Amino acid sequence: MAALKNFRPLFDRVLVERFLPELKTKSGIMIPQKGQAKVLDATVVATGPGARMDDGKNQQISVTVGDRVLLPEYGGTKITLDEKEYHLFREGDILAKYES
C-alpha cells in the first residue's frame, strides 16, 4: 500500500482500479475467460491537480477519490503497484461518474 500512497498522477490524469469481472453466473456456472465481458466500471484511487490553464492555474478535476466511474472500452495505461493492477486515464477520457 505504500507505493500507492506515494503515487500521485500529474495534471489531469486519474488513477483507477477496475472492478473484477464476474467469474460465475448467479446459478453458479463458471464463465470462461473468453466469455467474460470487459469491465468498464472502476473506482478512482488517486487524481492529479488538474490541467494547467493559460493563466497558470489548475482546472479542478471533476472526480474525487472513491468515485465510481465508467471507462471507455479501450485506452488508459496499465500500472502495477504493490502487486495490484491499476489504470491511468486522462480525465477527459472518463465517460461518466455514477451518483450515489
PDB file of N, CA and C in Angstrom:
ATOM      1  N   MET A   1       0.820  -1.197   0.000  1.00  0.00           N
ATOM      2  CA  MET A   1       0.000   0.000   0.000  1.00  0.00           C
ATOM      3  C   MET A   1       0.862   1.258   0.000  1.00  0.00           C
ATOM      4  N   ALA A   2       2.117   1.117   0.397  1.00  0.00           N
ATOM      5  CA  ALA A   2       2.995   2.278   0.450  1.00  0.00           C
ATOM      6  C   ALA A   2       3.243   2.862  -0.933  1.00  0.00           C
ATOM      7  N   ALA A   3       3.375   2.012  -1.946  1.00  0.00           N
ATOM      8  CA  ALA A   3       3.621   2.504  -3.305  1.00  0.00           C
ATOM      9  C   ALA A   3       2.431   3.309  -3.805  1.00  0.00           C
ATOM     10  N   LEU A   4       1.224   2.894  -3.471  1.00  0.00           N
ATOM     11  CA  LEU A   4       0.035   3.627  -3.898  1.00  0.00           C
ATOM     12  C   LEU A   4      -0.040   4.989  -3.212  1.00  0.00           C
ATOM     13  N   LYS A   5       0.321   5.059  -1.942  1.00  0.00           N
ATOM     14  CA  LYS A   5       0.303   6.335  -1.226  1.00  0.00           C
ATOM     15  C   LYS A   5       1.323   7.310  -1.798  1.00  0.00           C
ATOM     16  N   ASN A   6       2.427   6.795  -2.326  1.00  0.00           N
ATOM     17  CA  ASN A   6       3.481   7.628  -2.880  1.00  0.00           C
ATOM     18  C   ASN A   6       3.270   7.941  -4.359  1.00  0.00           C
ATOM     19  N   PHE A   7       2.224   7.400  -4.976  1.00  0.00           N
ATOM     20  CA  PHE A   7       1.959   7.616  -6.396  1.00  0.00           C
ATOM     21  C   PHE A   7       0.962   8.758  -6.557  1.00  0.00           C
ATOM     22  N   ARG A   8       1.349   9.792  -7.271  1.00  0.00           N
ATOM     23  CA  ARG A   8       0.471  10.950  -7.480  1.00  0.00           C
ATOM     24  C   ARG A   8       0.418  11.251  -8.980  1.00  0.00           C
ATOM     25  N   PRO A   9      -0.745  11.057  -9.634  1.00  0.00           N
ATOM     26  CA  PRO A   9      -0.851  11.382 -11.060  1.00  0.00           C
ATOM     27  C   PRO A   9      -0.594  12.868 -11.301  1.00  0.00           C
ATOM     28  N   LEU A  10      -0.078  13.191 -12.474  1.00  0.00           N
ATOM     29  CA  LEU A  10       0.194  14.575 -12.845  1.00  0.00           C
ATOM     30  C   LEU A  10      -0.942  15.140 -13.685  1.00  0.00           C
ATOM     31  N   PHE A  11      -1.077  16.447 -13.640  1.00  0.00           N
ATOM     32  CA  PHE A  11      -2.036  17.213 -14.448  1.00  0.00           C
ATOM     33  C   PHE A  11      -3.450  16.642 -14.339  1.00  0.00           C
ATOM     34  N   ASP A  12      -4.084  16.317 -15.472  1.00  0.00           N
ATOM     35  CA  ASP A  12      -5.487  15.888 -15.457  1.00  0.00           C
ATOM     36  C   ASP A  12      -5.624  14.369 -15.517  1.00  0.00           C
ATOM     37  N   ARG A  13      -4.665  13.658 -14.968  1.00  0.00           N
ATOM     38  CA  ARG A  13      -4.730  12.203 -15.016  1.00  0.00           C
ATOM     39  C   ARG A  13      -5.377  11.649 -13.751  1.00  0.00           C
ATOM     40  N   VAL A  14      -6.060  10.506 -13.936  1.00  0.00           N
ATOM     41  CA  VAL A  14      -6.817   9.874 -12.854  1.00  0.00           C
ATOM     42  C   VAL A  14      -6.409   8.403 -12.790  1.00  0.00           C
ATOM     43  N   LEU A  15      -6.040   7.923 -11.611  1.00  0.00           N
ATOM     44  CA  LEU A  15      -5.696   6.525 -11.403  1.00  0.00           C
ATOM     45  C   LEU A  15      -6.925   5.798 -10.898  1.00  0.00           C
ATOM     46  N   VAL A  16      -7.292   4.699 -11.569  1.00  0.00           N
ATOM     47  CA  VAL A  16      -8.495   3.952 -11.188  1.00  0.00           C
ATOM     48  C   VAL A  16      -8.163   2.481 -10.986  1.00  0.00           C
ATOM     49  N   GLU A  17      -8.999   1.826 -10.202  1.00  0.00           N
ATOM     50  CA  GLU A  17      -8.922   0.376 -10.014  1.00  0.00           C
ATOM     51  C   GLU A  17     -10.205  -0.210 -10.583  1.00  0.00           C
ATOM     52  N   ARG A  18     -10.061  -1.022 -11.630  1.00  0.00           N
ATOM     53  CA  ARG A  18     -11.240  -1.631 -12.263  1.00  0.00           C
ATOM     54  C   ARG A  18     -11.864  -2.666 -11.343  1.00  0.00           C
ATOM     55  N   PHE A  19     -13.194  -2.818 -11.448  1.00  0.00           N
ATOM     56  CA  PHE A  19     -13.883  -3.880 -10.729  1.00  0.00           C
ATOM     57  C   PHE A  19     -13.494  -5.209 -11.362  1.00  0.00           C
ATOM     58  N   LEU A  20     -13.541  -6.274 -10.600  1.00  0.00           N
ATOM     59  CA  LEU A  20     -13.195  -7.598 -11.119  1.00  0.00           C
ATOM     60  C   LEU A  20     -14.333  -8.137 -11.979  1.00  0.00           C
ATOM     61  N   PRO A  21     -14.019  -8.893 -13.042  1.00  0.00           N
ATOM     62  CA  PRO A  21     -15.073  -9.464 -13.882  1.00  0.00           C
ATOM     63  C   PRO A  21     -15.823 -10.565 -13.135  1.00  0.00           C
ATOM     64  N   GLU A  22     -17.054 -10.774 -13.539  1.00  0.00           N
ATOM     65  CA  GLU A  22     -17.854 -11.856 -12.961  1.00  0.00           C
ATOM     66  C   GLU A  22     -17.297 -13.185 -13.451  1.00  0.00           C
ATOM     67  N   LEU A  23     -16.972 -14.081 -12.511  1.00  0.00           N
ATOM     68  CA  LEU A  23     -16.405 -15.374 -12.871  1.00  0.00           C
ATOM     69  C   LEU A  23     -17.441 -16.486 -12.873  1.00  0.00           C
ATOM     70  N   LYS A  24     -18.601 -16.226 -12.247  1.00  0.00           N
ATOM     71  CA  LYS A  24     -19.685 -17.214 -12.187  1.00  0.00           C
ATOM     72  C   LYS A  24     -21.002 -16.521 -12.473  1.00  0.00           C
ATOM     73  N   THR A  25     -21.955 -17.276 -13.024  1.00  0.00           N
ATOM     74  CA  THR A  25     -23.311 -16.756 -13.182  1.00  0.00           C
ATOM     75  C   THR A  25     -24.008 -16.840 -11.829  1.00  0.00           C
ATOM     76  N   LYS A  26     -25.171 -16.255 -11.720  1.00  0.00           N
ATOM     77  CA  LYS A  26     -25.905 -16.299 -10.449  1.00  0.00           C
ATOM     78  C   LYS A  26     -26.247 -17.727 -10.043  1.00  0.00           C
ATOM     79  N   SER A  27     -26.387 -18.618 -11.023  1.00  0.00           N
ATOM     80  CA  SER A  27     -26.703 -20.011 -10.706  1.00  0.00           C
ATOM     81  C   SER A  27     -25.461 -20.836 -10.410  1.00  0.00           C
ATOM     82  N   GLY A  28     -24.248 -20.221 -10.471  1.00  0.00           N
ATOM     83  CA  GLY A  28     -23.027 -20.907 -10.086  1.00  0.00           C
ATOM     84  C   GLY A  28     -22.213 -21.480 -11.229  1.00  0.00           C
ATOM     85  N   ILE A  29     -22.614 -21.247 -12.464  1.00  0.00           N
ATOM     86  CA  ILE A  29     -21.869 -21.768 -13.611  1.00  0.00           C
ATOM     87  C   ILE A  29     -20.652 -20.887 -13.854  1.00  0.00           C
ATOM     88  N   MET A  30     -19.481 -21.507 -14.006  1.00  0.00           N
ATOM     89  CA  MET A  30     -18.243 -20.772 -14.268  1.00  0.00           C
ATOM     90  C   MET A  30     -18.281 -20.183 -15.683  1.00  0.00           C
ATOM     91  N   ILE A  31     -17.888 -18.931 -15.812  1.00  0.00           N
ATOM     92  CA  ILE A  31     -17.838 -18.260 -17.111  1.00  0.00           C
ATOM     93  C   ILE A  31     -16.409 -18.355 -17.633  1.00  0.00           C
ATOM     94  N   PRO A  32     -16.209 -18.904 -18.846  1.00  0.00           N
ATOM     95  CA  PRO A  32     -14.845 -18.969 -19.375  1.00  0.00           C
ATOM     96  C   PRO A  32     -14.306 -17.563 -19.643  1.00  0.00           C
ATOM     97  N   GLN A  33     -12.986 -17.408 -19.580  1.00  0.00           N
ATOM     98  CA  GLN A  33     -12.378 -16.088 -19.733  1.00  0.00           C
ATOM     99  C   GLN A  33     -12.765 -15.449 -21.064  1.00  0.00           C
ATOM    100  N   LYS A  34     -12.892 -16.233 -22.099  1.00  0.00           N
ATOM    101  CA  LYS A  34     -13.267 -15.711 -23.416  1.00  0.00           C
ATOM    102  C   LYS A  34     -14.685 -15.142 -23.414  1.00  0.00           C
ATOM    103  N   GLY A  35     -15.540 -15.661 -22.562  1.00  0.00           N
ATOM    104  CA  GLY A  35     -16.926 -15.224 -22.495  1.00  0.00           C
ATOM    105  C   GLY A  35     -17.182 -14.092 -21.504  1.00  0.00           C
ATOM    106  N   GLN A  36     -16.159 -13.708 -20.749  1.00  0.00           N
ATOM    107  CA  GLN A  36     -16.333 -12.651 -19.751  1.00  0.00           C
ATOM    108  C   GLN A  36     -16.375 -11.293 -20.432  1.00  0.00           C
ATOM    109  N   ALA A  37     -17.316 -10.478 -20.015  1.00  0.00           N
ATOM    110  CA  ALA A  37     -17.416  -9.121 -20.551  1.00  0.00           C
ATOM    111  C   ALA A  37     -16.299  -8.264 -19.965  1.00  0.00           C
ATOM    112  N   LYS A  38     -15.810  -7.311 -20.752  1.00  0.00           N
ATOM    113  CA  LYS A  38     -14.774  -6.406 -20.260  1.00  0.00           C
ATOM    114  C   LYS A  38     -15.411  -5.467 -19.241  1.00  0.00           C
ATOM    115  N   VAL A  39     -14.756  -5.318 -18.099  1.00  0.00           N
ATOM    116  CA  VAL A  39     -15.292  -4.488 -17.031  1.00  0.00           C
ATOM    117  C   VAL A  39     -14.960  -3.027 -17.327  1.00  0.00           C
ATOM    118  N   LEU A  40     -15.997  -2.199 -17.387  1.00  0.00           N
ATOM    119  CA  LEU A  40     -15.818  -0.788 -17.699  1.00  0.00           C
ATOM    120  C   LEU A  40     -16.009   0.102 -16.479  1.00  0.00           C
ATOM    121  N   ASP A  41     -16.414  -0.474 -15.350  1.00  0.00           N
ATOM    122  CA  ASP A  41     -16.603   0.288 -14.115  1.00  0.00           C
ATOM    123  C   ASP A  41     -15.320   0.247 -13.289  1.00  0.00           C
ATOM    124  N   ALA A  42     -15.042   1.361 -12.619  1.00  0.00           N
ATOM    125  CA  ALA A  42     -13.835   1.437 -11.794  1.00  0.00           C
ATOM    126  C   ALA A  42     -14.052   2.410 -10.653  1.00  0.00           C
ATOM    127  N   THR A  43     -13.154   2.350  -9.688  1.00  0.00           N
ATOM    128  CA  THR A  43     -13.143   3.275  -8.563  1.00  0.00           C
ATOM    129  C   THR A  43     -11.906   4.153  -8.671  1.00  0.00           C
ATOM    130  N   VAL A  44     -12.080   5.453  -8.472  1.00  0.00           N
ATOM    131  CA  VAL A  44     -10.961   6.395  -8.513  1.00  0.00           C
ATOM    132  C   VAL A  44     -10.141   6.222  -7.235  1.00  0.00           C
ATOM    133  N   VAL A  45      -8.825   6.020  -7.386  1.00  0.00           N
ATOM    134  CA  VAL A  45      -7.957   5.856  -6.217  1.00  0.00           C
ATOM    135  C   VAL A  45      -6.981   7.018  -6.046  1.00  0.00           C
ATOM    136  N   ALA A  46      -6.754   7.811  -7.102  1.00  0.00           N
ATOM    137  CA  ALA A  46      -5.885   8.993  -6.994  1.00  0.00           C
ATOM    138  C   ALA A  46      -6.143   9.908  -8.181  1.00  0.00           C
ATOM    139  N   THR A  47      -5.971  11.222  -7.968  1.00  0.00           N
ATOM    140  CA  THR A  47      -6.140  12.191  -9.055  1.00  0.00           C
ATOM    141  C   THR A  47      -4.974  13.175  -9.048  1.00  0.00           C
ATOM    142  N   GLY A  48      -4.724  13.738 -10.214  1.00  0.00           N
ATOM    143  CA  GLY A  48      -3.731  14.794 -10.312  1.00  0.00           C
ATOM    144  C   GLY A  48      -4.360  16.119  -9.908  1.00  0.00           C
ATOM    145  N   PRO A  49      -3.585  17.206  -9.945  1.00  0.00           N
ATOM    146  CA  PRO A  49      -4.099  18.517  -9.537  1.00  0.00           C
ATOM    147  C   PRO A  49      -5.007  19.170 -10.574  1.00  0.00           C
ATOM    148  N   GLY A  50      -5.019  18.662 -11.797  1.00  0.00           N
ATOM    149  CA  GLY A  50      -5.847  19.240 -12.850  1.00  0.00           C
ATOM    150  C   GLY A  50      -4.993  19.780 -13.983  1.00  0.00           C
ATOM    151  N   ALA A  51      -5.631  19.994 -15.128  1.00  0.00           N
ATOM    152  CA  ALA A  51      -4.929  20.523 -16.300  1.00  0.00           C
ATOM    153  C   ALA A  51      -4.535  21.975 -16.052  1.00  0.00           C
ATOM    154  N   ARG A  52      -3.385  22.354 -16.555  1.00  0.00           N
ATOM    155  CA  ARG A  52      -2.904  23.728 -16.394  1.00  0.00           C
ATOM    156  C   ARG A  52      -3.569  24.617 -17.431  1.00  0.00           C
ATOM    157  N   MET A  53      -4.171  25.722 -16.981  1.00  0.00           N
ATOM    158  CA  MET A  53      -4.832  26.668 -17.877  1.00  0.00           C
ATOM    159  C   MET A  53      -3.826  27.727 -18.326  1.00  0.00           C
ATOM    160  N   ASP A  54      -4.235  28.600 -19.249  1.00  0.00           N
ATOM    161  CA  ASP A  54      -3.355  29.636 -19.797  1.00  0.00           C
ATOM    162  C   ASP A  54      -2.841  30.599 -18.729  1.00  0.00           C
ATOM    163  N   ASP A  55      -3.646  30.838 -17.682  1.00  0.00           N
ATOM    164  CA  ASP A  55      -3.220  31.774 -16.642  1.00  0.00           C
ATOM    165  C   ASP A  55      -2.308  31.122 -15.593  1.00  0.00           C
ATOM    166  N   GLY A  56      -1.955  29.846 -15.799  1.00  0.00           N
ATOM    167  CA  GLY A  56      -1.045  29.148 -14.889  1.00  0.00           C
ATOM    168  C   GLY A  56      -1.723  28.406 -13.763  1.00  0.00           C
ATOM    169  N   LYS A  57      -3.019  28.593 -13.585  1.00  0.00           N
ATOM    170  CA  LYS A  57      -3.758  27.890 -12.529  1.00  0.00           C
ATOM    171  C   LYS A  57      -4.195  26.519 -13.049  1.00  0.00           C
ATOM    172  N   ASN A  58      -4.527  25.639 -12.116  1.00  0.00           N
ATOM    173  CA  ASN A  58      -5.005  24.309 -12.487  1.00  0.00           C
ATOM    174  C   ASN A  58      -6.526  24.286 -12.524  1.00  0.00           C
ATOM    175  N   GLN A  59      -7.068  23.656 -13.564  1.00  0.00           N
ATOM    176  CA  GLN A  59      -8.512  23.457 -13.648  1.00  0.00           C
ATOM    177  C   GLN A  59      -8.870  22.269 -12.755  1.00  0.00           C
ATOM    178  N   GLN A  60      -9.851  22.446 -11.890  1.00  0.00           N
ATOM    179  CA  GLN A  60     -10.218  21.413 -10.926  1.00  0.00           C
ATOM    180  C   GLN A  60     -10.742  20.168 -11.637  1.00  0.00           C
ATOM    181  N   ILE A  61     -10.359  18.998 -11.146  1.00  0.00           N
ATOM    182  CA  ILE A  61     -10.822  17.721 -11.707  1.00  0.00           C
ATOM    183  C   ILE A  61     -12.217  17.427 -11.174  1.00  0.00           C
ATOM    184  N   SER A  62     -13.071  16.858 -12.037  1.00  0.00           N
ATOM    185  CA  SER A  62     -14.474  16.656 -11.676  1.00  0.00           C
ATOM    186  C   SER A  62     -14.743  15.353 -10.927  1.00  0.00           C
ATOM    187  N   VAL A  63     -13.744  14.502 -10.740  1.00  0.00           N
ATOM    188  CA  VAL A  63     -13.922  13.274  -9.956  1.00  0.00           C
ATOM    189  C   VAL A  63     -12.999  13.335  -8.742  1.00  0.00           C
ATOM    190  N   THR A  64     -13.382  12.627  -7.696  1.00  0.00           N
ATOM    191  CA  THR A  64     -12.568  12.588  -6.481  1.00  0.00           C
ATOM    192  C   THR A  64     -12.300  11.134  -6.096  1.00  0.00           C
ATOM    193  N   VAL A  65     -11.361  10.933  -5.211  1.00  0.00           N
ATOM    194  CA  VAL A  65     -11.023   9.593  -4.747  1.00  0.00           C
ATOM    195  C   VAL A  65     -12.267   8.940  -4.146  1.00  0.00           C
ATOM    196  N   GLY A  66     -12.531   7.711  -4.561  1.00  0.00           N
ATOM    197  CA  GLY A  66     -13.699   6.976  -4.079  1.00  0.00           C
ATOM    198  C   GLY A  66     -14.871   6.994  -5.044  1.00  0.00           C
ATOM    199  N   ASP A  67     -14.870   7.896  -6.040  1.00  0.00           N
ATOM    200  CA  ASP A  67     -15.959   7.947  -7.022  1.00  0.00           C
ATOM    201  C   ASP A  67     -15.955   6.697  -7.890  1.00  0.00           C
ATOM    202  N   ARG A  68     -17.145   6.236  -8.260  1.00  0.00           N
ATOM    203  CA  ARG A  68     -17.292   5.129  -9.199  1.00  0.00           C
ATOM    204  C   ARG A  68     -17.504   5.736 -10.580  1.00  0.00           C
ATOM    205  N   VAL A  69     -16.690   5.318 -11.564  1.00  0.00           N
ATOM    206  CA  VAL A  69     -16.718   5.924 -12.888  1.00  0.00           C
ATOM    207  C   VAL A  69     -16.888   4.858 -13.967  1.00  0.00           C
ATOM    208  N   LEU A  70     -17.311   5.315 -15.151  1.00  0.00           N
ATOM    209  CA  LEU A  70     -17.461   4.473 -16.336  1.00  0.00           C
ATOM    210  C   LEU A  70     -16.316   4.805 -17.282  1.00  0.00           C
ATOM    211  N   LEU A  71     -15.587   3.771 -17.701  1.00  0.00           N
ATOM    212  CA  LEU A  71     -14.411   3.957 -18.547  1.00  0.00           C
ATOM    213  C   LEU A  71     -14.707   3.566 -19.989  1.00  0.00           C
ATOM    214  N   PRO A  72     -13.912   4.074 -20.937  1.00  0.00           N
ATOM    215  CA  PRO A  72     -14.047   3.611 -22.318  1.00  0.00           C
ATOM    216  C   PRO A  72     -13.551   2.169 -22.421  1.00  0.00           C
ATOM    217  N   GLU A  73     -13.964   1.473 -23.463  1.00  0.00           N
ATOM    218  CA  GLU A  73     -13.574   0.075 -23.620  1.00  0.00           C
ATOM    219  C   GLU A  73     -12.070  -0.068 -23.829  1.00  0.00           C
ATOM    220  N   TYR A  74     -11.478   0.883 -24.527  1.00  0.00           N
ATOM    221  CA  TYR A  74     -10.040   0.831 -24.798  1.00  0.00           C
ATOM    222  C   TYR A  74      -9.375   2.100 -24.282  1.00  0.00           C
ATOM    223  N   GLY A  75      -8.077   2.021 -24.036  1.00  0.00           N
ATOM    224  CA  GLY A  75      -7.329   3.193 -23.603  1.00  0.00           C
ATOM    225  C   GLY A  75      -6.808   3.043 -22.196  1.00  0.00           C
ATOM    226  N   GLY A  76      -6.163   4.077 -21.740  1.00  0.00           N
ATOM    227  CA  GLY A  76      -5.570   4.060 -20.413  1.00  0.00           C
ATOM    228  C   GLY A  76      -4.230   3.342 -20.419  1.00  0.00           C
ATOM    229  N   THR A  77      -3.492   3.546 -19.369  1.00  0.00           N
ATOM    230  CA  THR A  77      -2.183   2.910 -19.206  1.00  0.00           C
ATOM    231  C   THR A  77      -2.232   2.011 -17.988  1.00  0.00           C
ATOM    232  N   LYS A  78      -1.886   0.731 -18.182  1.00  0.00           N
ATOM    233  CA  LYS A  78      -1.907  -0.225 -17.078  1.00  0.00           C
ATOM    234  C   LYS A  78      -0.657  -0.042 -16.221  1.00  0.00           C
ATOM    235  N   ILE A  79      -0.859   0.005 -14.907  1.00  0.00           N
ATOM    236  CA  ILE A  79       0.229   0.185 -13.945  1.00  0.00           C
ATOM    237  C   ILE A  79       0.058  -0.856 -12.839  1.00  0.00           C
ATOM    238  N   THR A  80       1.158  -1.438 -12.387  1.00  0.00           N
ATOM    239  CA  THR A  80       1.118  -2.376 -11.272  1.00  0.00           C
ATOM    240  C   THR A  80       1.821  -1.741 -10.075  1.00  0.00           C
ATOM    241  N   LEU A  81       1.082  -1.599  -8.979  1.00  0.00           N
ATOM    242  CA  LEU A  81       1.609  -1.058  -7.724  1.00  0.00           C
ATOM    243  C   LEU A  81       1.263  -2.032  -6.612  1.00  0.00           C
ATOM    244  N   ASP A  82       2.240  -2.409  -5.813  1.00  0.00           N
ATOM    245  CA  ASP A  82       2.008  -3.364  -4.718  1.00  0.00           C
ATOM    246  C   ASP A  82       1.301  -4.620  -5.214  1.00  0.00           C
ATOM    247  N   GLU A  83       1.695  -5.100  -6.380  1.00  0.00           N
ATOM    248  CA  GLU A  83       1.161  -6.317  -6.984  1.00  0.00           C
ATOM    249  C   GLU A  83      -0.329  -6.233  -7.313  1.00  0.00           C
ATOM    250  N   LYS A  84      -0.869  -5.027  -7.421  1.00  0.00           N
ATOM    251  CA  LYS A  84      -2.254  -4.807  -7.830  1.00  0.00           C
ATOM    252  C   LYS A  84      -2.255  -4.036  -9.138  1.00  0.00           C
ATOM    253  N   GLU A  85      -3.245  -4.289  -9.968  1.00  0.00           N
ATOM    254  CA  GLU A  85      -3.323  -3.648 -11.274  1.00  0.00           C
ATOM    255  C   GLU A  85      -4.226  -2.415 -11.221  1.00  0.00           C
ATOM    256  N   TYR A  86      -3.717  -1.303 -11.736  1.00  0.00           N
ATOM    257  CA  TYR A  86      -4.456  -0.049 -11.827  1.00  0.00           C
ATOM    258  C   TYR A  86      -4.357   0.459 -13.256  1.00  0.00           C
ATOM    259  N   HIS A  87      -5.189   1.442 -13.593  1.00  0.00           N
ATOM    260  CA  HIS A  87      -5.143   2.060 -14.912  1.00  0.00           C
ATOM    261  C   HIS A  87      -5.130   3.574 -14.753  1.00  0.00           C
ATOM    262  N   LEU A  88      -4.341   4.229 -15.590  1.00  0.00           N
ATOM    263  CA  LEU A  88      -4.200   5.673 -15.568  1.00  0.00           C
ATOM    264  C   LEU A  88      -4.878   6.245 -16.810  1.00  0.00           C
ATOM    265  N   PHE A  89      -5.858   7.129 -16.610  1.00  0.00           N
ATOM    266  CA  PHE A  89      -6.618   7.759 -17.697  1.00  0.00           C
ATOM    267  C   PHE A  89      -6.520   9.272 -17.579  1.00  0.00           C
ATOM    268  N   ARG A  90      -6.678   9.958 -18.696  1.00  0.00           N
ATOM    269  CA  ARG A  90      -6.885  11.396 -18.659  1.00  0.00           C
ATOM    270  C   ARG A  90      -8.328  11.621 -18.207  1.00  0.00           C
ATOM    271  N   GLU A  91      -8.565  12.704 -17.498  1.00  0.00           N
ATOM    272  CA  GLU A  91      -9.917  12.977 -17.013  1.00  0.00           C
ATOM    273  C   GLU A  91     -10.915  13.043 -18.165  1.00  0.00           C
ATOM    274  N   GLY A  92     -10.523  13.614 -19.284  1.00  0.00           N
ATOM    275  CA  GLY A  92     -11.413  13.734 -20.436  1.00  0.00           C
ATOM    276  C   GLY A  92     -11.789  12.413 -21.074  1.00  0.00           C
ATOM    277  N   ASP A  93     -11.037  11.336 -20.780  1.00  0.00           N
ATOM    278  CA  ASP A  93     -11.350  10.009 -21.317  1.00  0.00           C
ATOM    279  C   ASP A  93     -12.412   9.297 -20.507  1.00  0.00           C
ATOM    280  N   ILE A  94     -12.623   9.713 -19.262  1.00  0.00           N
ATOM    281  CA  ILE A  94     -13.634   9.084 -18.410  1.00  0.00           C
ATOM    282  C   ILE A  94     -15.013   9.482 -18.931  1.00  0.00           C
ATOM    283  N   LEU A  95     -15.868   8.481 -19.141  1.00  0.00           N
ATOM    284  CA  LEU A  95     -17.161   8.705 -19.789  1.00  0.00           C
ATOM    285  C   LEU A  95     -18.237   9.246 -18.849  1.00  0.00           C
ATOM    286  N   ALA A  96     -18.261   8.779 -17.608  1.00  0.00           N
ATOM    287  CA  ALA A  96     -19.325   9.188 -16.694  1.00  0.00           C
ATOM    288  C   ALA A  96     -18.924   8.899 -15.262  1.00  0.00           C
ATOM    289  N   LYS A  97     -19.630   9.537 -14.352  1.00  0.00           N
ATOM    290  CA  LYS A  97     -19.460   9.304 -12.911  1.00  0.00           C
ATOM    291  C   LYS A  97     -20.811   8.873 -12.372  1.00  0.00           C
ATOM    292  N   TYR A  98     -20.834   7.779 -11.613  1.00  0.00           N
ATOM    293  CA  TYR A  98     -22.077   7.315 -11.003  1.00  0.00           C
ATOM    294  C   TYR A  98     -22.374   8.156  -9.766  1.00  0.00           C
ATOM    295  N   GLU A  99     -23.581   8.652  -9.669  1.00  0.00           N
ATOM    296  CA  GLU A  99     -24.010   9.409  -8.491  1.00  0.00           C
ATOM    297  C   GLU A  99     -24.584   8.437  -7.475  1.00  0.00           C
ATOM    298  N   SER A 100     -24.295   8.654  -6.195  1.00  0.00           N
ATOM    299  CA  SER A 100     -24.827   7.729  -5.170  1.00  0.00           C
ATOM    300  C   SER A 100     -26.107   8.223  -4.592  1.00  0.00           C
TER     301      SER A 100
END
